[in-house]
Protein backbone atom coordinates (compact mmCIF):
# COMPACT_ATOMS: atom_id res chain seq x y z
CA MET A 1 115.74 85.49 97.74
CA LYS A 2 114.62 84.07 101.02
CA PHE A 3 111.30 82.38 100.27
CA LYS A 4 109.96 79.99 97.65
CA ILE A 5 106.52 81.68 97.51
CA VAL A 6 105.65 85.18 98.66
CA ALA A 7 102.15 86.68 98.55
CA VAL A 8 101.11 90.25 97.90
CA GLY A 9 97.63 91.61 97.29
CA GLY A 10 95.71 94.69 96.37
CA THR A 11 93.37 96.48 94.03
CA PHE A 12 96.34 97.87 92.06
CA ASP A 13 94.20 100.61 90.52
CA GLU A 14 96.18 103.40 88.81
CA LEU A 15 99.31 101.22 89.19
CA HIS A 16 101.61 103.77 90.84
CA LYS A 17 105.11 104.04 92.32
CA GLY A 18 103.90 102.73 95.70
CA HIS A 19 102.34 99.63 94.11
CA LYS A 20 105.46 99.07 92.02
CA THR A 21 107.69 99.29 95.12
CA LEU A 22 105.47 96.76 96.89
CA LEU A 23 105.62 94.36 93.93
CA LYS A 24 109.37 94.79 93.39
CA THR A 25 109.93 94.04 97.10
CA ALA A 26 107.89 90.83 96.78
CA PHE A 27 110.13 89.71 93.90
CA ILE A 28 113.28 90.52 95.89
CA TYR A 29 112.14 88.20 98.71
CA GLY A 30 110.33 85.55 96.72
CA GLU A 31 111.44 83.06 94.13
CA ASN A 32 107.79 83.11 93.03
CA VAL A 33 105.14 85.70 93.83
CA TRP A 34 101.42 85.10 94.08
CA ILE A 35 99.64 88.38 93.42
CA GLY A 36 96.09 88.62 94.72
CA LEU A 37 94.20 91.09 92.53
CA CYS A 38 90.84 92.27 93.90
CA THR A 39 87.91 91.27 91.71
CA ASP A 40 85.48 94.00 90.62
CA GLU A 41 82.92 92.74 93.17
CA PHE A 42 85.41 92.73 96.05
CA ALA A 43 86.82 96.13 95.03
CA ARG A 44 83.27 97.58 95.19
CA LYS A 45 82.83 96.16 98.71
CA LEU A 46 85.98 98.00 99.81
CA ARG A 47 84.02 101.24 99.28
CA LYS A 48 86.87 103.28 97.88
CA ASN A 49 86.00 106.96 97.60
CA HIS A 50 86.68 106.98 93.86
CA GLU A 51 85.98 105.03 90.70
CA ILE A 52 88.03 101.85 90.18
CA ALA A 53 89.23 100.57 86.82
CA SER A 54 87.84 97.19 85.74
CA TYR A 55 89.56 93.95 86.70
CA GLU A 56 90.48 93.44 83.06
CA GLU A 57 92.15 96.87 82.82
CA ARG A 58 93.97 96.36 86.13
CA ILE A 59 95.22 92.85 85.27
CA ASN A 60 96.44 93.99 81.84
CA GLU A 61 98.38 96.88 83.38
CA LEU A 62 99.80 94.57 86.04
CA LYS A 63 100.90 92.03 83.39
CA ARG A 64 102.60 94.80 81.36
CA PHE A 65 104.50 95.96 84.46
CA LEU A 66 105.59 92.40 85.38
CA ASN A 67 106.69 91.83 81.79
CA ASP A 68 108.69 95.10 81.73
CA LEU A 69 110.27 94.09 85.05
CA GLY A 70 111.20 90.72 83.54
CA VAL A 71 109.46 88.68 86.27
CA SER A 72 106.33 87.40 84.48
CA SER A 73 107.53 83.80 84.64
CA ARG A 74 107.81 84.06 88.46
CA ALA A 75 104.36 85.62 88.96
CA LYS A 76 100.95 84.07 89.44
CA ILE A 77 97.98 86.46 89.46
CA ILE A 78 95.02 85.20 91.48
CA PRO A 79 91.59 86.87 91.65
CA LEU A 80 90.93 88.03 95.24
CA SER A 81 87.31 87.97 96.34
CA ASP A 82 87.97 88.32 100.09
CA PRO A 83 90.60 90.07 102.26
CA TYR A 84 92.86 87.03 102.67
CA GLY A 85 92.67 84.96 99.49
CA PRO A 86 94.83 81.83 99.27
CA ALA A 87 97.18 83.20 101.95
CA ALA A 88 94.62 82.10 104.59
CA THR A 89 94.77 78.42 103.63
CA SER A 90 97.88 77.78 101.54
CA THR A 91 100.70 75.69 102.97
CA GLU A 92 102.94 76.84 100.08
CA ILE A 93 103.03 80.57 100.83
CA GLU A 94 105.81 81.45 103.28
CA ALA A 95 105.74 85.25 103.46
CA ILE A 96 103.56 88.24 102.65
CA VAL A 97 104.63 91.73 101.58
CA VAL A 98 102.45 94.58 102.82
CA SER A 99 102.62 98.34 103.32
CA ARG A 100 102.66 99.69 106.87
CA GLU A 101 99.06 100.76 106.23
CA THR A 102 97.91 97.17 105.60
CA GLU A 103 100.16 95.44 108.14
CA PRO A 104 97.26 95.01 110.64
CA ARG A 105 95.41 92.94 108.00
CA ALA A 106 98.49 90.68 107.67
CA ARG A 107 98.46 90.17 111.45
CA GLU A 108 94.76 89.19 111.27
CA LEU A 109 95.66 86.79 108.48
CA ASN A 110 98.35 85.17 110.63
CA ALA A 111 95.91 84.77 113.54
CA LEU A 112 93.51 83.05 111.13
CA ARG A 113 96.28 80.79 109.83
CA VAL A 114 97.27 79.75 113.37
CA ARG A 115 93.61 78.98 114.19
CA ASN A 116 93.56 76.79 111.06
CA GLY A 117 96.69 74.94 112.21
CA LEU A 118 99.02 76.63 109.72
CA LYS A 119 102.34 78.38 110.33
CA PRO A 120 102.11 82.17 110.41
CA LEU A 121 103.58 83.95 107.39
CA GLU A 122 106.70 86.06 107.63
CA ILE A 123 105.42 89.65 107.32
CA ILE A 124 107.60 91.94 105.21
CA SER A 125 106.33 95.47 105.75
CA ILE A 126 107.44 98.43 103.67
CA ASP A 127 106.93 102.14 104.23
CA MET A 128 104.38 103.96 102.12
CA VAL A 129 106.11 105.70 99.20
CA PRO A 130 105.90 109.47 99.62
CA ALA A 131 104.90 111.89 96.88
CA GLU A 132 106.82 115.10 96.22
CA ASP A 133 104.96 116.76 99.13
CA ARG A 134 106.02 113.90 101.49
CA ILE A 135 102.39 112.67 101.78
CA PRO A 136 102.06 109.00 100.71
CA ILE A 137 101.21 108.27 97.09
CA SER A 138 97.72 106.79 96.81
CA THR A 139 95.23 106.00 94.09
CA THR A 140 92.78 108.39 95.79
CA ARG A 141 95.23 111.29 95.43
CA ILE A 142 95.91 110.36 91.79
CA ARG A 143 92.18 110.16 91.00
CA ARG A 144 91.66 113.56 92.68
CA GLY A 145 94.25 115.06 90.35
CA GLU A 146 96.64 116.03 93.17
CA ILE A 147 99.60 113.92 91.99
CA ASP A 148 100.64 111.69 89.11
CA ARG A 149 101.51 108.00 89.41
CA ASP A 150 105.12 108.85 90.26
CA GLY A 151 104.07 111.17 93.09
CA LYS A 152 104.77 114.44 91.29
CA LEU A 153 102.42 117.28 92.23
CA ILE A 154 100.04 118.32 89.48
CA LYS A 155 99.83 122.09 89.14
CA GLY A 156 96.33 123.35 89.69
CA GLY A 157 95.24 120.10 91.38
CA GLU A 158 93.77 120.04 94.89
CA GLY A 159 97.25 119.32 96.20
CA ASP A 160 98.91 122.34 94.58
CA LEU A 161 100.23 124.16 97.63
CA ALA A 162 101.56 127.08 95.57
CA GLN A 163 98.04 128.07 94.53
CA LYS A 164 96.76 127.95 98.10
CA ALA A 165 99.56 130.18 99.44
C-alpha cells in the first residue's frame, strides 16, 4: 500500500468484472478507500442510455462485494452528487483510481484542486477489462444482453457473433 486514502468513484450499476477490478486496485494502493457512489439524481444527469438500478440497490451490492473481499472496514462509501465529490476539496485523499476511459476527468479534477491550492492527486489508471470478444465490459453491454457481468458472451444477444455470421 502506498497511500493512506485513495478515492474511486462511479455509478457501479450491474457491478461487473471491470468495476471489481477498479475497486480491487484501489484497495491494493490505499490503506483506506473512499468510494464515491453516484446518487440517483446525479446518475440520471449522466444520461446513460439504459435504466440504472436505484442507489439503495447499488450500495447494497457494493457493500456485499466489499464484505466478500474482506475490505469493508477499510471502505467509506460517499454519495456522489457531482463529478468530483470530496476529491475536489479533501486534503486527506492522496490518489485516485480511474479507468483509461475516465482518466480525462481525473486530470480535470487535478486542475481544479491546483486552482483551489491543493496538491494534485496521484492518478492510478487501469485498462478497461475486456469481455470474451475483447471489447470492454460495460454496464450498457450487460443491459443490452450482449454479455454477462464477467464478460462472457450471451448466446442470442446482440453481441452474439456466431448468429450474425
